[in-house]
């Protein structure tokens, strides 16, 4: 039948058949090979980029280790926690802070008492109880100073009582109806890291060393101004 076609038609049919065979070969053989080659090229490019990134990370390993060590050291000495090697030192520093605040506003610190230390998971809660005499403005400054400075301290069990009708106000010339003196009592506590091992923990029911009795802190010229 093909032999009966005109020469031009025969040549066109032959070209069409050749193009069809070439297309089939391309789709069946060449295209998958080209796609695989491109995929391999992309994988190689990604691998080279990963290797370059890993080399950069490896070059930064020493500096990152130093930064990590610095962060761990900073975490171990976080400003928010009470400093001191033990509970007694931490409590003493809290007492000094309360005393300094009372003196800064010309108040009279009557006494401070270290309360029993409490374990709170990975931390130890150190608490002191304070009593002072000062006016309202000074009391606000003391409480603000306790709760805003570092290390972090928290005020609890706050009690204020006016001394306007107290006979002892006669010894303090600044006591008057407009600005009466106050008896201020409160607990203040902070946290320190609990670094004790199980062998170092006190026996159940035992009082920590920091839980000493009350002691009075005498201050000359203690009237509030």
N, C-alpha and C. Protein backbone atom coordinates (compact mmCIF):
# COMPACT_ATOMS: atom_id res chain seq x y z
N UNK A 1 0.82 -1.21 0.00
CA UNK A 1 0.00 0.00 0.00
C UNK A 1 0.85 1.25 0.00
N UNK A 2 2.00 1.21 0.76
CA UNK A 2 2.88 2.36 0.82
C UNK A 2 3.55 2.58 -0.54
N UNK A 3 3.76 1.42 -1.24
CA UNK A 3 4.41 1.54 -2.55
C UNK A 3 3.53 2.26 -3.56
N UNK A 4 2.21 2.26 -3.32
CA UNK A 4 1.30 2.90 -4.25
C UNK A 4 1.18 4.39 -3.99
N UNK A 5 1.78 4.90 -2.87
CA UNK A 5 1.69 6.32 -2.55
C UNK A 5 2.60 7.12 -3.46
N UNK A 6 2.23 8.35 -3.67
CA UNK A 6 3.12 9.22 -4.44
C UNK A 6 4.45 9.40 -3.70
N UNK A 7 5.50 9.74 -4.43
CA UNK A 7 6.81 9.89 -3.79
C UNK A 7 6.81 10.91 -2.66
N UNK A 8 6.13 12.03 -2.86
CA UNK A 8 6.11 13.06 -1.81
C UNK A 8 5.43 12.55 -0.55
N UNK A 9 4.32 11.81 -0.75
CA UNK A 9 3.61 11.27 0.41
C UNK A 9 4.44 10.21 1.10
N UNK A 10 5.15 9.41 0.30
CA UNK A 10 6.00 8.38 0.89
C UNK A 10 7.11 9.00 1.73
N UNK A 11 7.71 10.07 1.20
CA UNK A 11 8.77 10.72 1.97
C UNK A 11 8.21 11.34 3.25
N UNK A 12 7.02 11.95 3.17
CA UNK A 12 6.40 12.56 4.36
C UNK A 12 6.07 11.50 5.39
N UNK A 13 5.56 10.35 4.92
CA UNK A 13 5.24 9.26 5.85
C UNK A 13 6.50 8.72 6.48
N UNK A 14 7.57 8.60 5.69
CA UNK A 14 8.84 8.09 6.24
C UNK A 14 9.39 9.05 7.28
N UNK A 15 9.31 10.34 7.00
CA UNK A 15 9.78 11.33 7.99
C UNK A 15 8.95 11.27 9.25
N UNK A 16 7.64 11.11 9.08
CA UNK A 16 6.76 11.03 10.25
C UNK A 16 7.07 9.80 11.10
N UNK A 17 7.31 8.68 10.39
CA UNK A 17 7.66 7.46 11.14
C UNK A 17 9.00 7.64 11.86
N UNK A 18 9.93 8.29 11.20
CA UNK A 18 11.24 8.52 11.83
C UNK A 18 11.11 9.41 13.06
N UNK A 19 10.31 10.47 12.90
CA UNK A 19 10.10 11.37 14.06
C UNK A 19 9.38 10.64 15.19
N UNK A 20 8.43 9.75 14.83
CA UNK A 20 7.72 8.99 15.87
C UNK A 20 8.66 8.07 16.62
N UNK A 21 9.53 7.39 15.85
CA UNK A 21 10.50 6.49 16.51
C UNK A 21 11.45 7.29 17.39
N UNK A 22 11.90 8.45 16.87
CA UNK A 22 12.80 9.29 17.66
C UNK A 22 12.11 9.79 18.94
N UNK A 23 10.82 10.15 18.80
CA UNK A 23 10.08 10.59 19.99
C UNK A 23 9.94 9.49 21.01
N UNK A 24 9.65 8.26 20.48
CA UNK A 24 9.50 7.13 21.41
C UNK A 24 10.83 6.85 22.11
N UNK A 25 11.93 6.92 21.36
CA UNK A 25 13.23 6.69 21.97
C UNK A 25 13.58 7.77 22.99
N UNK A 26 13.19 9.00 22.66
CA UNK A 26 13.47 10.10 23.59
C UNK A 26 12.68 9.93 24.88
N UNK A 27 11.38 9.65 24.73
CA UNK A 27 10.54 9.50 25.92
C UNK A 27 10.93 8.27 26.73
N UNK A 28 11.33 7.22 26.03
CA UNK A 28 11.62 5.98 26.74
C UNK A 28 13.03 5.88 27.28
N UNK A 29 13.98 6.54 26.62
CA UNK A 29 15.37 6.39 27.02
C UNK A 29 16.03 7.71 27.40
N UNK A 30 16.00 8.67 26.51
CA UNK A 30 16.76 9.91 26.73
C UNK A 30 16.18 10.74 27.86
N UNK A 31 14.86 10.91 27.86
CA UNK A 31 14.27 11.79 28.89
C UNK A 31 14.52 11.28 30.31
N UNK A 32 14.33 9.98 30.58
CA UNK A 32 14.66 9.51 31.94
C UNK A 32 16.13 9.72 32.29
N UNK A 33 17.02 9.50 31.28
CA UNK A 33 18.44 9.72 31.57
C UNK A 33 18.74 11.18 31.86
N UNK A 34 18.12 12.08 31.09
CA UNK A 34 18.32 13.51 31.33
C UNK A 34 17.77 13.92 32.69
N UNK A 35 16.56 13.41 33.04
CA UNK A 35 15.96 13.74 34.33
C UNK A 35 16.83 13.21 35.48
N UNK A 36 17.36 12.00 35.29
CA UNK A 36 18.22 11.44 36.32
C UNK A 36 19.52 12.24 36.45
N UNK A 37 20.05 12.68 35.31
CA UNK A 37 21.26 13.50 35.34
C UNK A 37 21.02 14.81 36.06
N UNK A 38 19.89 15.46 35.77
CA UNK A 38 19.56 16.73 36.44
C UNK A 38 19.35 16.52 37.94
N UNK A 39 18.68 15.42 38.29
CA UNK A 39 18.47 15.13 39.70
C UNK A 39 19.80 14.90 40.42
N UNK A 40 20.70 14.17 39.73
CA UNK A 40 22.01 13.93 40.32
C UNK A 40 22.79 15.23 40.48
N UNK A 41 22.71 16.10 39.48
CA UNK A 41 23.37 17.39 39.55
C UNK A 41 22.83 18.22 40.73
N UNK A 42 21.51 18.21 40.93
CA UNK A 42 20.91 18.96 42.03
C UNK A 42 21.32 18.38 43.38
N UNK A 43 21.37 17.02 43.44
CA UNK A 43 21.80 16.39 44.69
C UNK A 43 23.25 16.73 45.00
N UNK A 44 24.08 16.74 43.96
CA UNK A 44 25.48 17.10 44.17
C UNK A 44 25.62 18.56 44.64
N UNK A 45 24.80 19.43 44.04
CA UNK A 45 24.84 20.84 44.44
C UNK A 45 24.40 21.00 45.90
N UNK A 46 23.32 20.29 46.26
CA UNK A 46 22.85 20.35 47.66
C UNK A 46 23.91 19.80 48.59
N UNK A 47 24.57 18.72 48.19
CA UNK A 47 25.59 18.12 49.04
C UNK A 47 26.77 19.07 49.24
N UNK A 48 27.17 19.73 48.15
CA UNK A 48 28.28 20.69 48.28
C UNK A 48 27.90 21.84 49.22
N UNK A 49 26.62 22.29 49.12
CA UNK A 49 26.17 23.36 50.02
C UNK A 49 26.16 22.88 51.47
N UNK A 50 25.73 21.64 51.69
CA UNK A 50 25.72 21.08 53.05
C UNK A 50 27.15 20.97 53.60
N UNK A 51 28.06 20.50 52.75
CA UNK A 51 29.46 20.35 53.19
C UNK A 51 30.03 21.71 53.57
N UNK A 52 29.73 22.73 52.75
CA UNK A 52 30.23 24.08 53.07
C UNK A 52 29.64 24.58 54.38
N UNK A 53 28.34 24.29 54.60
CA UNK A 53 27.70 24.72 55.85
C UNK A 53 28.29 23.99 57.04
N UNK A 54 28.52 22.69 56.91
CA UNK A 54 29.11 21.92 58.00
C UNK A 54 30.52 22.40 58.31
N UNK A 55 31.26 22.79 57.27
CA UNK A 55 32.60 23.31 57.50
C UNK A 55 32.56 24.63 58.27
N UNK A 56 31.57 25.47 57.92
CA UNK A 56 31.43 26.73 58.66
C UNK A 56 31.08 26.46 60.12
N UNK A 57 30.15 25.52 60.33
CA UNK A 57 29.77 25.17 61.70
C UNK A 57 30.95 24.60 62.46
N UNK A 58 31.73 23.73 61.78
CA UNK A 58 32.90 23.15 62.42
C UNK A 58 33.92 24.20 62.79
N UNK A 59 34.08 25.21 61.92
CA UNK A 59 35.02 26.28 62.22
C UNK A 59 34.57 27.11 63.40
N UNK A 60 33.24 27.17 63.64
CA UNK A 60 32.70 27.95 64.75
C UNK A 60 32.54 27.12 66.02
N UNK A 61 32.92 25.85 65.96
CA UNK A 61 32.69 24.96 67.12
C UNK A 61 33.40 25.46 68.37
N UNK A 62 34.64 25.90 68.22
CA UNK A 62 35.40 26.35 69.40
C UNK A 62 34.74 27.56 70.04
N UNK A 63 34.35 28.54 69.21
CA UNK A 63 33.72 29.75 69.77
C UNK A 63 32.36 29.42 70.38
N UNK A 64 31.63 28.49 69.75
CA UNK A 64 30.34 28.10 70.31
C UNK A 64 30.49 27.38 71.65
N UNK A 65 31.53 26.54 71.75
CA UNK A 65 31.78 25.88 73.03
C UNK A 65 32.11 26.90 74.13
N UNK A 66 32.90 27.90 73.77
CA UNK A 66 33.23 28.94 74.73
C UNK A 66 31.98 29.72 75.15
N UNK A 67 31.12 30.03 74.17
CA UNK A 67 29.88 30.74 74.49
C UNK A 67 28.98 29.89 75.37
N UNK A 68 28.91 28.58 75.09
CA UNK A 68 28.09 27.68 75.90
C UNK A 68 28.61 27.62 77.33
N UNK A 69 29.94 27.54 77.48
CA UNK A 69 30.52 27.51 78.82
C UNK A 69 30.22 28.80 79.57
N UNK A 70 30.27 29.94 78.84
CA UNK A 70 29.96 31.22 79.48
C UNK A 70 28.50 31.28 79.90
N UNK A 71 27.60 30.74 79.05
CA UNK A 71 26.18 30.73 79.41
C UNK A 71 25.92 29.85 80.62
N UNK A 72 26.60 28.70 80.67
CA UNK A 72 26.41 27.82 81.83
C UNK A 72 26.91 28.47 83.11
N UNK A 73 28.03 29.18 82.99
CA UNK A 73 28.56 29.87 84.17
C UNK A 73 27.62 30.99 84.58
N UNK A 74 27.06 31.70 83.59
CA UNK A 74 26.13 32.77 83.91
C UNK A 74 24.87 32.21 84.56
N UNK A 75 24.42 31.05 84.06
CA UNK A 75 23.24 30.42 84.65
C UNK A 75 23.50 30.03 86.10
N UNK A 76 24.73 29.58 86.37
CA UNK A 76 25.06 29.16 87.73
C UNK A 76 25.13 30.34 88.69
N UNK A 77 25.33 31.55 88.15
CA UNK A 77 25.44 32.73 89.01
C UNK A 77 24.40 33.77 88.58
N UNK A 78 23.19 33.32 88.32
CA UNK A 78 22.14 34.22 87.89
C UNK A 78 21.90 35.29 88.94
N UNK A 79 21.75 36.54 88.49
CA UNK A 79 21.60 37.66 89.41
C UNK A 79 20.34 37.54 90.26
N UNK A 80 19.33 36.85 89.75
CA UNK A 80 18.08 36.78 90.49
C UNK A 80 18.16 35.93 91.74
N UNK A 81 19.18 35.07 91.86
CA UNK A 81 19.29 34.19 93.01
C UNK A 81 20.18 34.81 94.07
N UNK A 82 19.94 34.40 95.30
CA UNK A 82 20.74 34.89 96.41
C UNK A 82 22.16 34.37 96.31
N UNK A 83 23.15 35.24 96.50
CA UNK A 83 24.53 34.77 96.53
C UNK A 83 24.84 34.16 97.89
N UNK A 84 26.01 33.59 98.01
CA UNK A 84 26.42 33.01 99.28
C UNK A 84 26.63 31.52 99.18
N UNK A 85 27.59 31.03 99.95
CA UNK A 85 27.93 29.61 99.90
C UNK A 85 26.94 28.76 100.69
N UNK A 86 26.20 29.37 101.61
CA UNK A 86 25.26 28.60 102.41
C UNK A 86 24.10 29.49 102.83
N UNK A 87 23.13 28.87 103.52
CA UNK A 87 21.92 29.59 103.91
C UNK A 87 22.21 30.75 104.86
N UNK A 88 23.13 30.53 105.78
CA UNK A 88 23.42 31.57 106.77
C UNK A 88 23.97 32.83 106.12
N UNK A 89 24.88 32.65 105.14
CA UNK A 89 25.43 33.82 104.45
C UNK A 89 24.37 34.53 103.63
N UNK A 90 23.51 33.76 102.97
CA UNK A 90 22.44 34.37 102.18
C UNK A 90 21.49 35.16 103.08
N UNK A 91 21.13 34.60 104.24
CA UNK A 91 20.26 35.30 105.17
C UNK A 91 20.93 36.56 105.71
N UNK A 92 22.22 36.49 105.99
CA UNK A 92 22.95 37.66 106.50
C UNK A 92 22.95 38.78 105.47
N UNK A 93 23.12 38.43 104.20
CA UNK A 93 23.10 39.45 103.16
C UNK A 93 21.72 40.06 103.00
N UNK A 94 20.68 39.27 103.18
CA UNK A 94 19.32 39.82 103.15
C UNK A 94 19.11 40.79 104.30
N UNK A 95 19.60 40.42 105.48
CA UNK A 95 19.48 41.32 106.64
C UNK A 95 20.22 42.63 106.40
N UNK A 96 21.40 42.54 105.82
CA UNK A 96 22.15 43.76 105.53
C UNK A 96 21.40 44.64 104.54
N UNK A 97 20.74 44.02 103.59
CA UNK A 97 19.98 44.80 102.61
C UNK A 97 18.80 45.49 103.26
N UNK A 98 18.09 44.79 104.14
CA UNK A 98 16.97 45.40 104.85
C UNK A 98 17.47 46.55 105.73
N UNK A 99 18.57 46.34 106.42
CA UNK A 99 19.12 47.37 107.29
C UNK A 99 19.54 48.60 106.47
N UNK A 100 20.19 48.37 105.32
CA UNK A 100 20.63 49.49 104.49
C UNK A 100 19.44 50.29 103.97
N UNK A 101 18.37 49.61 103.60
CA UNK A 101 17.19 50.32 103.12
C UNK A 101 16.54 51.14 104.23
N UNK A 102 16.46 50.57 105.43
CA UNK A 102 15.89 51.30 106.55
C UNK A 102 16.73 52.54 106.86
N UNK A 103 18.03 52.41 106.86
CA UNK A 103 18.90 53.55 107.14
C UNK A 103 18.83 54.60 106.04
N UNK A 104 18.62 54.17 104.80
CA UNK A 104 18.58 55.13 103.69
C UNK A 104 17.38 56.07 103.78
N UNK A 105 16.30 55.64 104.47
CA UNK A 105 15.13 56.50 104.62
C UNK A 105 15.01 57.02 106.05
N UNK A 106 16.08 56.85 106.85
CA UNK A 106 16.13 57.32 108.23
C UNK A 106 15.04 56.66 109.08
N UNK A 107 14.79 55.39 108.80
CA UNK A 107 13.85 54.65 109.62
C UNK A 107 14.59 53.92 110.74
N UNK A 108 13.85 53.33 111.63
CA UNK A 108 14.42 52.61 112.77
C UNK A 108 14.15 51.11 112.59
N UNK A 109 15.18 50.37 112.35
CA UNK A 109 15.06 48.92 112.24
C UNK A 109 15.08 48.33 113.64
N UNK A 110 13.95 47.79 114.08
CA UNK A 110 13.83 47.26 115.44
C UNK A 110 14.45 45.87 115.55
N UNK A 111 14.18 45.00 114.60
CA UNK A 111 14.71 43.64 114.70
C UNK A 111 14.57 42.93 113.36
N UNK A 112 15.39 41.91 113.18
CA UNK A 112 15.23 40.96 112.07
C UNK A 112 15.38 39.55 112.62
N UNK A 113 14.66 38.65 112.04
CA UNK A 113 14.67 37.25 112.49
C UNK A 113 14.79 36.34 111.28
N UNK A 114 15.72 35.41 111.34
CA UNK A 114 15.88 34.43 110.27
C UNK A 114 14.91 33.28 110.52
N UNK A 115 14.05 33.01 109.54
CA UNK A 115 13.09 31.92 109.66
C UNK A 115 13.67 30.64 109.06
N UNK A 116 13.10 29.49 109.39
CA UNK A 116 13.63 28.23 108.85
C UNK A 116 13.66 28.23 107.32
N UNK A 117 14.74 27.73 106.79
CA UNK A 117 14.90 27.64 105.34
C UNK A 117 14.06 26.48 104.82
N UNK A 118 13.43 26.68 103.66
CA UNK A 118 12.58 25.66 103.09
C UNK A 118 13.13 25.21 101.74
N UNK A 119 13.15 23.89 101.51
CA UNK A 119 13.53 23.36 100.20
C UNK A 119 12.35 23.48 99.25
N UNK A 120 12.61 23.97 98.07
CA UNK A 120 11.56 24.13 97.05
C UNK A 120 12.09 23.56 95.74
N UNK A 121 12.11 22.24 95.63
CA UNK A 121 12.63 21.59 94.44
C UNK A 121 14.13 21.80 94.31
N UNK A 122 14.54 22.41 93.22
CA UNK A 122 15.96 22.67 92.98
C UNK A 122 16.45 23.93 93.69
N UNK A 123 15.57 24.57 94.45
CA UNK A 123 15.93 25.83 95.10
C UNK A 123 15.68 25.76 96.60
N UNK A 124 16.27 26.71 97.31
CA UNK A 124 16.06 26.84 98.74
C UNK A 124 15.52 28.24 99.01
N UNK A 125 14.44 28.29 99.76
CA UNK A 125 13.78 29.56 100.06
C UNK A 125 14.28 30.06 101.41
N UNK A 126 14.96 31.21 101.37
CA UNK A 126 15.52 31.82 102.57
C UNK A 126 14.64 33.00 102.95
N UNK A 127 14.16 33.02 104.19
CA UNK A 127 13.20 34.04 104.63
C UNK A 127 13.68 34.70 105.91
N UNK A 128 13.51 36.02 105.99
CA UNK A 128 13.75 36.74 107.23
C UNK A 128 12.51 37.56 107.55
N UNK A 129 12.31 37.82 108.82
CA UNK A 129 11.18 38.64 109.29
C UNK A 129 11.76 39.92 109.88
N UNK A 130 11.20 41.05 109.47
CA UNK A 130 11.74 42.35 109.88
C UNK A 130 10.66 43.19 110.53
N UNK A 131 11.09 44.03 111.47
CA UNK A 131 10.21 45.01 112.10
C UNK A 131 10.94 46.34 112.14
N UNK A 132 10.27 47.40 111.68
CA UNK A 132 10.88 48.71 111.68
C UNK A 132 9.82 49.78 111.92
N UNK A 133 10.29 50.97 112.29
CA UNK A 133 9.42 52.10 112.55
C UNK A 133 9.81 53.21 111.58
N UNK A 134 8.84 53.69 110.81
CA UNK A 134 9.09 54.74 109.83
C UNK A 134 7.76 55.28 109.34
N UNK A 135 7.79 56.36 108.57
CA UNK A 135 6.53 56.92 108.08
C UNK A 135 6.11 56.24 106.79
N UNK A 136 4.95 56.63 106.27
CA UNK A 136 4.37 55.93 105.13
C UNK A 136 5.24 56.08 103.88
N UNK A 137 5.73 57.30 103.61
CA UNK A 137 6.55 57.50 102.42
C UNK A 137 7.82 56.66 102.49
N UNK A 138 8.42 56.58 103.68
CA UNK A 138 9.63 55.77 103.84
C UNK A 138 9.32 54.29 103.69
N UNK A 139 8.15 53.86 104.19
CA UNK A 139 7.76 52.46 104.06
C UNK A 139 7.61 52.08 102.58
N UNK A 140 7.04 52.98 101.80
CA UNK A 140 6.90 52.71 100.37
C UNK A 140 8.26 52.56 99.71
N UNK A 141 9.22 53.40 100.09
CA UNK A 141 10.55 53.33 99.50
C UNK A 141 11.25 52.02 99.88
N UNK A 142 11.08 51.60 101.12
CA UNK A 142 11.71 50.35 101.56
C UNK A 142 11.14 49.16 100.80
N UNK A 143 9.82 49.08 100.70
CA UNK A 143 9.19 47.96 100.01
C UNK A 143 9.55 47.96 98.52
N UNK A 144 9.59 49.14 97.94
CA UNK A 144 9.98 49.24 96.53
C UNK A 144 11.43 48.79 96.34
N UNK A 145 12.29 49.23 97.24
CA UNK A 145 13.70 48.85 97.14
C UNK A 145 13.92 47.36 97.31
N UNK A 146 13.10 46.71 98.12
CA UNK A 146 13.24 45.27 98.33
C UNK A 146 12.85 44.49 97.09
N UNK A 147 11.80 44.92 96.41
CA UNK A 147 11.23 44.11 95.33
C UNK A 147 11.74 44.48 93.94
N UNK A 148 12.57 45.50 93.82
CA UNK A 148 13.01 45.91 92.49
C UNK A 148 14.51 45.72 92.27
N UNK A 149 15.28 45.53 93.31
CA UNK A 149 16.73 45.38 93.14
C UNK A 149 17.08 43.91 92.91
N UNK A 150 18.35 43.65 92.72
CA UNK A 150 18.84 42.28 92.54
C UNK A 150 19.82 41.95 93.66
N UNK A 151 19.77 40.72 94.21
CA UNK A 151 18.94 39.58 93.82
C UNK A 151 17.47 39.79 94.15
N UNK A 152 16.61 39.02 93.50
CA UNK A 152 15.17 39.19 93.65
C UNK A 152 14.71 38.79 95.05
N UNK A 153 13.95 39.69 95.66
CA UNK A 153 13.34 39.42 96.96
C UNK A 153 11.84 39.66 96.86
N UNK A 154 11.08 38.97 97.71
CA UNK A 154 9.62 39.05 97.67
C UNK A 154 9.10 39.32 99.08
N UNK A 155 8.17 40.25 99.19
CA UNK A 155 7.61 40.62 100.48
C UNK A 155 6.33 39.83 100.72
N UNK A 156 6.17 39.36 101.96
CA UNK A 156 5.00 38.56 102.32
C UNK A 156 4.60 38.92 103.76
N UNK A 157 3.36 38.61 104.09
CA UNK A 157 2.85 38.82 105.46
C UNK A 157 3.09 40.25 105.93
N UNK A 158 2.74 41.21 105.08
CA UNK A 158 2.96 42.62 105.41
C UNK A 158 1.91 43.11 106.40
N UNK A 159 2.37 43.79 107.44
CA UNK A 159 1.47 44.34 108.45
C UNK A 159 1.95 45.73 108.83
N UNK A 160 1.05 46.70 108.75
CA UNK A 160 1.37 48.08 109.14
C UNK A 160 0.37 48.56 110.19
N UNK A 161 0.90 49.23 111.22
CA UNK A 161 0.03 49.76 112.28
C UNK A 161 0.52 51.15 112.65
N UNK A 162 -0.42 52.08 112.71
CA UNK A 162 -0.05 53.46 113.03
C UNK A 162 0.33 53.57 114.50
N UNK A 163 1.34 54.40 114.79
CA UNK A 163 1.78 54.64 116.16
C UNK A 163 1.30 56.00 116.66
N UNK A 164 0.28 56.57 116.00
CA UNK A 164 -0.17 57.91 116.35
C UNK A 164 -0.65 57.98 117.79
N UNK A 165 -1.30 56.92 118.26
CA UNK A 165 -1.82 56.91 119.63
C UNK A 165 -0.89 56.23 120.61
N UNK A 166 0.29 55.88 120.15
CA UNK A 166 1.27 55.23 121.02
C UNK A 166 2.03 56.30 121.80
N UNK A 167 2.18 56.10 123.06
CA UNK A 167 2.89 57.08 123.88
C UNK A 167 4.34 57.22 123.47
N UNK A 168 4.88 56.16 122.85
CA UNK A 168 6.28 56.23 122.47
C UNK A 168 6.53 57.24 121.37
N UNK A 169 5.48 57.73 120.71
CA UNK A 169 5.67 58.71 119.66
C UNK A 169 6.26 60.01 120.21
N UNK A 170 6.11 60.24 121.52
CA UNK A 170 6.64 61.46 122.11
C UNK A 170 8.16 61.50 122.01
N UNK A 171 8.80 60.34 121.93
CA UNK A 171 10.26 60.31 121.82
C UNK A 171 10.74 60.61 120.40
N UNK A 172 9.82 60.62 119.44
CA UNK A 172 10.19 60.86 118.05
C UNK A 172 9.56 62.16 117.61
N UNK A 173 10.30 63.25 117.53
CA UNK A 173 9.74 64.55 117.24
C UNK A 173 9.03 64.62 115.89
N UNK A 174 9.36 63.73 114.97
CA UNK A 174 8.74 63.82 113.65
C UNK A 174 7.33 63.24 113.63
N UNK A 175 6.88 62.59 114.71
CA UNK A 175 5.55 62.00 114.74
C UNK A 175 4.51 63.10 114.83
N UNK A 176 3.55 63.09 113.89
CA UNK A 176 2.47 64.06 113.92
C UNK A 176 1.29 63.49 113.19
N UNK A 177 0.16 64.17 113.29
CA UNK A 177 -1.08 63.66 112.72
C UNK A 177 -1.03 63.59 111.20
N UNK A 178 -0.30 64.51 110.59
CA UNK A 178 -0.23 64.52 109.13
C UNK A 178 0.67 63.41 108.58
N UNK A 179 1.69 63.06 109.31
CA UNK A 179 2.64 62.06 108.85
C UNK A 179 3.01 61.13 110.01
N UNK A 180 2.08 60.28 110.43
CA UNK A 180 2.33 59.45 111.61
C UNK A 180 3.36 58.37 111.33
N UNK A 181 4.00 57.94 112.40
CA UNK A 181 4.92 56.81 112.28
C UNK A 181 4.13 55.51 112.21
N UNK A 182 4.75 54.52 111.57
CA UNK A 182 4.11 53.22 111.40
C UNK A 182 5.01 52.14 111.96
N UNK A 183 4.36 51.16 112.60
CA UNK A 183 5.04 49.91 112.92
C UNK A 183 4.89 49.01 111.69
N UNK A 184 5.99 48.71 111.04
CA UNK A 184 5.97 47.92 109.82
C UNK A 184 6.59 46.55 110.10
N UNK A 185 5.83 45.51 109.86
CA UNK A 185 6.32 44.13 110.02
C UNK A 185 6.07 43.38 108.72
N UNK A 186 7.03 42.62 108.30
CA UNK A 186 6.87 41.87 107.06
C UNK A 186 7.90 40.75 107.01
N UNK A 187 7.59 39.76 106.18
CA UNK A 187 8.56 38.72 105.83
C UNK A 187 9.10 39.04 104.44
N UNK A 188 10.36 38.78 104.23
CA UNK A 188 10.96 38.95 102.90
C UNK A 188 11.77 37.70 102.62
N UNK A 189 11.60 37.15 101.41
CA UNK A 189 12.29 35.91 101.09
C UNK A 189 12.89 35.98 99.68
N UNK A 190 13.89 35.16 99.49
CA UNK A 190 14.54 35.01 98.19
C UNK A 190 14.92 33.56 98.01
N UNK A 191 15.47 33.24 96.84
CA UNK A 191 15.80 31.86 96.51
C UNK A 191 17.29 31.73 96.18
N UNK A 192 17.84 30.63 96.60
CA UNK A 192 19.20 30.28 96.22
C UNK A 192 19.18 28.86 95.65
N UNK A 193 20.14 28.57 94.81
CA UNK A 193 20.18 27.25 94.20
C UNK A 193 20.48 26.18 95.24
N UNK A 194 19.79 25.06 95.11
CA UNK A 194 19.96 23.95 96.04
C UNK A 194 21.04 23.03 95.50
N UNK A 195 22.27 23.22 95.96
CA UNK A 195 23.41 22.43 95.48
C UNK A 195 23.76 21.27 96.41
N UNK A 196 22.97 21.07 97.43
CA UNK A 196 23.27 20.00 98.38
C UNK A 196 22.93 18.65 97.81
N UNK A 197 23.75 17.67 98.11
CA UNK A 197 23.45 16.29 97.74
C UNK A 197 22.54 15.69 98.79
N UNK A 198 22.09 14.47 98.53
CA UNK A 198 21.20 13.83 99.49
C UNK A 198 21.88 13.62 100.83
N UNK A 199 23.24 13.44 100.81
CA UNK A 199 23.93 13.26 102.08
C UNK A 199 24.01 14.56 102.86
N UNK A 200 23.96 15.69 102.12
CA UNK A 200 24.07 16.98 102.79
C UNK A 200 22.75 17.49 103.31
N UNK A 201 21.63 16.88 102.86
CA UNK A 201 20.34 17.37 103.29
C UNK A 201 20.14 17.12 104.78
N UNK A 202 19.52 18.08 105.50
CA UNK A 202 19.29 17.89 106.91
C UNK A 202 18.28 16.78 107.16
N UNK A 203 18.40 16.14 108.30
CA UNK A 203 17.47 15.08 108.64
C UNK A 203 16.08 15.65 108.80
N UNK A 204 15.02 14.84 108.54
CA UNK A 204 13.65 15.32 108.67
C UNK A 204 13.41 15.90 110.06
N UNK A 205 12.81 17.09 110.09
CA UNK A 205 12.51 17.75 111.36
C UNK A 205 13.65 18.57 111.89
N UNK A 206 14.84 18.45 111.30
CA UNK A 206 15.98 19.23 111.80
C UNK A 206 15.89 20.65 111.31
N UNK A 207 16.32 21.62 112.11
CA UNK A 207 16.30 23.03 111.74
C UNK A 207 17.60 23.36 111.04
N UNK A 208 17.52 24.03 109.87
CA UNK A 208 18.75 24.42 109.18
C UNK A 208 19.56 25.37 110.03
N UNK A 209 20.84 25.44 109.74
CA UNK A 209 21.73 26.28 110.51
C UNK A 209 21.34 27.74 110.43
N UNK A 210 20.73 28.12 109.27
CA UNK A 210 20.38 29.53 109.10
C UNK A 210 19.20 29.94 109.96
N UNK A 211 18.44 28.96 110.49
CA UNK A 211 17.26 29.30 111.26
C UNK A 211 17.66 29.65 112.68
N UNK A 212 18.36 30.71 112.84
CA UNK A 212 18.77 31.16 114.16
C UNK A 212 17.65 31.95 114.80
N UNK A 213 17.83 32.30 116.05
CA UNK A 213 16.82 33.08 116.75
C UNK A 213 16.86 34.53 116.32
N UNK A 214 15.89 35.27 116.85
CA UNK A 214 15.81 36.68 116.50
C UNK A 214 16.93 37.43 117.18
N UNK A 215 17.31 38.53 116.52
CA UNK A 215 18.27 39.41 117.18
C UNK A 215 17.91 40.84 116.82
N UNK A 216 18.12 41.73 117.77
CA UNK A 216 17.75 43.12 117.58
C UNK A 216 18.92 43.88 116.98
N UNK A 217 18.59 44.74 116.05
CA UNK A 217 19.60 45.56 115.42
C UNK A 217 19.39 46.99 115.91
N UNK A 218 20.24 47.40 116.84
CA UNK A 218 20.09 48.74 117.40
C UNK A 218 20.60 49.76 116.41
N UNK A 219 19.91 50.85 116.28
CA UNK A 219 20.29 51.91 115.36
C UNK A 219 20.13 53.26 116.05
N UNK A 220 21.16 53.98 116.16
CA UNK A 220 21.10 55.28 116.82
C UNK A 220 20.36 56.26 115.95
N UNK A 221 19.61 57.16 116.60
CA UNK A 221 18.84 58.14 115.85
C UNK A 221 17.83 57.48 114.96
N UNK A 222 17.08 56.50 115.43
CA UNK A 222 16.23 55.70 114.57
C UNK A 222 14.92 56.33 114.21
N UNK A 223 14.57 57.52 114.59
CA UNK A 223 13.29 58.09 114.25
C UNK A 223 13.20 58.36 112.77
N UNK A 224 12.00 58.17 112.18
CA UNK A 224 11.81 58.44 110.76
C UNK A 224 11.78 59.92 110.53
N UNK A 225 12.28 60.36 109.39
CA UNK A 225 12.30 61.78 109.03
C UNK A 225 11.55 61.98 107.72
